[in-house]
Amino acid sequence: MNKENFLKSLNNSLQRLPSSEREDILQDFREHFDIGINEGKSEEEISKALGSPQQIAREMVVTYRLEQVEETTSTGNVLRAVWAVIGLGFFNLIIVLAPFLALAGFVFSGWLAGVSFVAAPILFLVNIIIYPEVFAFFELFFSLFLSGVGIFLIIGMYYATRWLMKGFVKYLNFNVKMVKGGMKHA
């Protein structure tokens, strides 16, 4: 594959990135070709040594998405990073998706429980409006107790969610290092 075909294929594979980021990457690879040609290598040798443009693009997208998550940890950025890491290979479908779904289920259920507990007094009042004959002080106080527990649960889930997102991003970075060639021992 010559320089022009390599760069065209790489550019097509990088369409998910912003144009400025894509242009920086393409410029780096143009420089790789220029340096290789100055060393007396052919364009085909250089492109063969660089590897598959599609695989390079997947790795560049993963790197970009992980940088985005580290700059701004939001749900959307984490989801895009997870999807990009899964795209590195079929093995990552199991290794990344399973822990992500487990953590997402834990976080979702914790938030749902907290909100439900906070809403308990409102639901109790709705029940009293519909069935006024079933009023009981125990249920009123229990719903208020659940509301207090829900507030503490929501506060705890806020910090747990932040901590789990940061931990999962570290796991994604670790996974990418493993996929790109293993861990380097110091």
Protein backbone atom coordinates (compact mmCIF):
# COMPACT_ATOMS: atom_id res chain seq x y z
CA MET A 1 0.00 0.00 0.00
CA ASN A 2 1.47 3.35 -0.97
CA LYS A 3 1.45 6.54 1.10
CA GLU A 4 -1.64 8.03 -0.54
CA ASN A 5 -3.74 4.87 -0.11
CA PHE A 6 -2.57 4.43 3.48
CA LEU A 7 -3.44 8.01 4.44
CA LYS A 8 -6.78 7.85 2.63
CA SER A 9 -7.70 4.61 4.41
CA LEU A 10 -6.59 6.06 7.76
CA ASN A 11 -8.59 9.23 7.17
CA ASN A 12 -11.72 7.23 6.31
CA SER A 13 -11.30 5.15 9.47
CA LEU A 14 -10.90 8.26 11.64
CA GLN A 15 -14.22 9.87 10.62
CA ARG A 16 -15.54 9.58 14.21
CA LEU A 17 -12.95 12.08 15.42
CA PRO A 18 -13.12 15.88 15.10
CA SER A 19 -11.43 17.19 11.97
CA SER A 20 -8.66 18.99 13.91
CA GLU A 21 -7.73 15.81 15.78
CA ARG A 22 -7.91 13.78 12.56
CA GLU A 23 -5.64 16.26 10.74
CA ASP A 24 -3.05 16.10 13.55
CA ILE A 25 -2.95 12.30 13.31
CA LEU A 26 -2.66 12.37 9.52
CA GLN A 27 0.16 14.91 9.74
CA ASP A 28 2.04 12.61 12.14
CA PHE A 29 1.77 9.75 9.67
CA ARG A 30 2.83 11.96 6.76
CA GLU A 31 5.96 12.70 8.79
CA HIS A 32 6.48 8.94 9.35
CA PHE A 33 6.45 8.46 5.59
CA ASP A 34 8.77 11.44 4.98
CA ILE A 35 11.30 10.18 7.53
CA GLY A 36 11.13 6.65 6.12
CA ILE A 37 11.62 7.85 2.56
CA ASN A 38 14.62 9.94 3.67
CA GLU A 39 16.07 6.75 5.20
CA GLY A 40 15.73 5.01 1.83
CA LYS A 41 12.63 2.91 2.51
CA SER A 42 9.85 2.50 -0.01
CA GLU A 43 6.28 3.65 0.72
CA GLU A 44 5.15 0.02 0.75
CA GLU A 45 7.78 -0.92 3.34
CA ILE A 46 6.79 1.99 5.54
CA SER A 47 3.07 1.23 5.35
CA LYS A 48 3.73 -2.44 6.07
CA ALA A 49 5.84 -1.50 9.11
CA LEU A 50 3.13 0.86 10.41
CA GLY A 51 0.43 -1.81 10.19
CA SER A 52 -3.23 -1.73 9.33
CA PRO A 53 -4.71 1.78 9.00
CA GLN A 54 -8.00 0.48 10.40
CA GLN A 55 -6.33 -0.91 13.53
CA ILE A 56 -4.33 2.28 13.96
CA ALA A 57 -7.55 4.28 13.67
CA ARG A 58 -9.28 2.11 16.31
CA GLU A 59 -6.40 2.67 18.70
CA MET A 60 -6.36 6.41 18.00
CA VAL A 61 -10.12 6.64 18.61
CA VAL A 62 -9.73 4.76 21.91
CA THR A 63 -6.90 7.07 22.98
CA TYR A 64 -8.95 10.14 22.07
CA ARG A 65 -12.07 8.87 23.89
CA LEU A 66 -10.09 8.01 27.02
CA GLU A 67 -8.52 11.47 27.01
CA GLN A 68 -12.01 12.98 26.72
CA VAL A 69 -13.18 10.97 29.74
CA GLU A 70 -10.18 12.06 31.79
CA GLU A 71 -10.85 15.71 30.92
CA THR A 72 -14.61 15.54 31.52
CA THR A 73 -16.05 12.49 33.23
CA SER A 74 -19.60 12.38 31.97
CA THR A 75 -21.90 9.48 31.23
CA GLY A 76 -21.73 10.17 27.48
CA ASN A 77 -17.93 10.27 27.46
CA VAL A 78 -17.70 7.05 29.47
CA LEU A 79 -20.14 5.30 27.11
CA ARG A 80 -18.17 6.47 24.05
CA ALA A 81 -14.92 5.29 25.65
CA VAL A 82 -16.40 1.89 26.51
CA TRP A 83 -17.69 1.50 22.96
CA ALA A 84 -14.30 2.48 21.50
CA VAL A 85 -12.42 0.02 23.74
CA ILE A 86 -14.86 -2.76 22.82
CA GLY A 87 -14.11 -1.96 19.16
CA LEU A 88 -10.45 -2.96 19.64
CA GLY A 89 -11.37 -6.63 19.49
CA PHE A 90 -13.93 -9.33 20.19
CA PHE A 91 -12.14 -10.30 23.38
CA ASN A 92 -12.90 -6.84 24.76
CA LEU A 93 -16.61 -7.41 24.22
CA ILE A 94 -16.57 -9.81 27.15
CA ILE A 95 -13.75 -8.28 29.21
CA VAL A 96 -15.08 -4.70 29.06
CA LEU A 97 -18.81 -5.04 28.52
CA ALA A 98 -19.53 -7.49 31.37
CA PRO A 99 -17.94 -5.38 34.14
CA PHE A 100 -19.47 -2.24 32.64
CA LEU A 101 -22.97 -3.74 32.67
CA ALA A 102 -22.49 -4.99 36.23
CA LEU A 103 -21.34 -1.56 37.44
CA ALA A 104 -24.08 0.20 35.49
CA GLY A 105 -26.67 -2.13 37.04
CA PHE A 106 -25.32 -1.46 40.52
CA VAL A 107 -25.31 2.32 40.02
CA PHE A 108 -28.77 2.35 38.40
CA SER A 109 -30.32 0.20 41.13
CA GLY A 110 -28.73 2.32 43.89
CA TRP A 111 -30.06 5.54 42.40
CA LEU A 112 -33.48 3.97 41.80
CA ALA A 113 -33.67 2.75 45.41
CA GLY A 114 -32.63 6.16 46.75
CA VAL A 115 -35.19 8.04 44.68
CA SER A 116 -37.89 5.49 45.54
CA PHE A 117 -37.17 5.83 49.27
CA VAL A 118 -37.29 9.63 49.05
CA ALA A 119 -40.65 9.36 47.26
CA ALA A 120 -42.11 7.05 49.95
CA PRO A 121 -43.98 9.82 51.85
CA ILE A 122 -45.49 11.11 48.60
CA LEU A 123 -46.62 7.62 47.69
CA PHE A 124 -48.04 7.22 51.20
CA LEU A 125 -50.06 10.44 50.78
CA VAL A 126 -51.34 9.31 47.38
CA ASN A 127 -52.43 6.03 48.99
CA ILE A 128 -54.26 7.93 51.78
CA ILE A 129 -56.05 10.12 49.23
CA ILE A 130 -57.24 7.06 47.32
CA TYR A 131 -57.98 4.87 50.37
CA PRO A 132 -58.50 7.19 53.40
CA GLU A 133 -59.68 4.33 55.62
CA VAL A 134 -56.21 2.66 55.64
CA PHE A 135 -54.36 5.51 57.40
CA ALA A 136 -51.87 4.27 60.01
CA PHE A 137 -49.31 6.31 61.92
CA PHE A 138 -46.78 3.49 61.70
CA GLU A 139 -46.86 3.61 57.88
CA LEU A 140 -46.54 7.41 57.91
CA PHE A 141 -43.49 7.33 60.17
CA PHE A 142 -42.00 4.38 58.30
CA SER A 143 -42.34 6.29 55.00
CA LEU A 144 -40.62 9.30 56.61
CA PHE A 145 -37.86 7.00 57.86
CA LEU A 146 -37.44 5.57 54.35
CA SER A 147 -37.26 9.09 52.97
CA GLY A 148 -34.36 9.88 55.32
CA VAL A 149 -32.62 6.66 54.35
CA GLY A 150 -33.19 7.57 50.70
CA ILE A 151 -31.52 10.94 51.15
CA PHE A 152 -28.45 9.27 52.66
CA LEU A 153 -28.53 6.66 49.89
CA ILE A 154 -28.62 9.34 47.19
CA ILE A 155 -25.68 11.15 48.78
CA GLY A 156 -23.77 7.87 48.99
CA MET A 157 -24.64 6.96 45.40
CA TYR A 158 -23.38 10.34 44.21
CA TYR A 159 -19.92 9.63 45.63
CA ALA A 160 -20.04 5.94 44.68
CA THR A 161 -20.92 6.83 41.09
CA ARG A 162 -18.02 9.28 40.82
CA TRP A 163 -15.61 6.78 42.36
CA LEU A 164 -16.81 3.90 40.16
CA MET A 165 -16.58 6.00 36.99
CA LYS A 166 -12.98 6.98 37.79
CA GLY A 167 -12.13 3.38 38.62
CA PHE A 168 -13.71 2.10 35.43
CA VAL A 169 -11.77 4.63 33.35
CA LYS A 170 -8.57 3.31 34.97
CA TYR A 171 -9.72 -0.21 34.08
CA LEU A 172 -10.29 0.88 30.47
CA ASN A 173 -6.79 2.38 30.31
CA PHE A 174 -5.34 -0.84 31.76
CA ASN A 175 -7.29 -2.89 29.22
CA VAL A 176 -6.06 -0.76 26.31
CA LYS A 177 -2.44 -1.16 27.47
CA MET A 178 -2.93 -4.93 27.59
CA VAL A 179 -4.47 -5.03 24.12
CA LYS A 180 -1.77 -2.82 22.61
CA GLY A 181 1.00 -5.16 23.65
CA GLY A 182 0.96 -6.04 27.29
CA MET A 183 2.25 -4.33 30.35
CA LYS A 184 5.85 -3.14 30.41
CA HIS A 185 7.65 -4.32 33.53
CA ALA A 186 9.76 -1.66 35.20
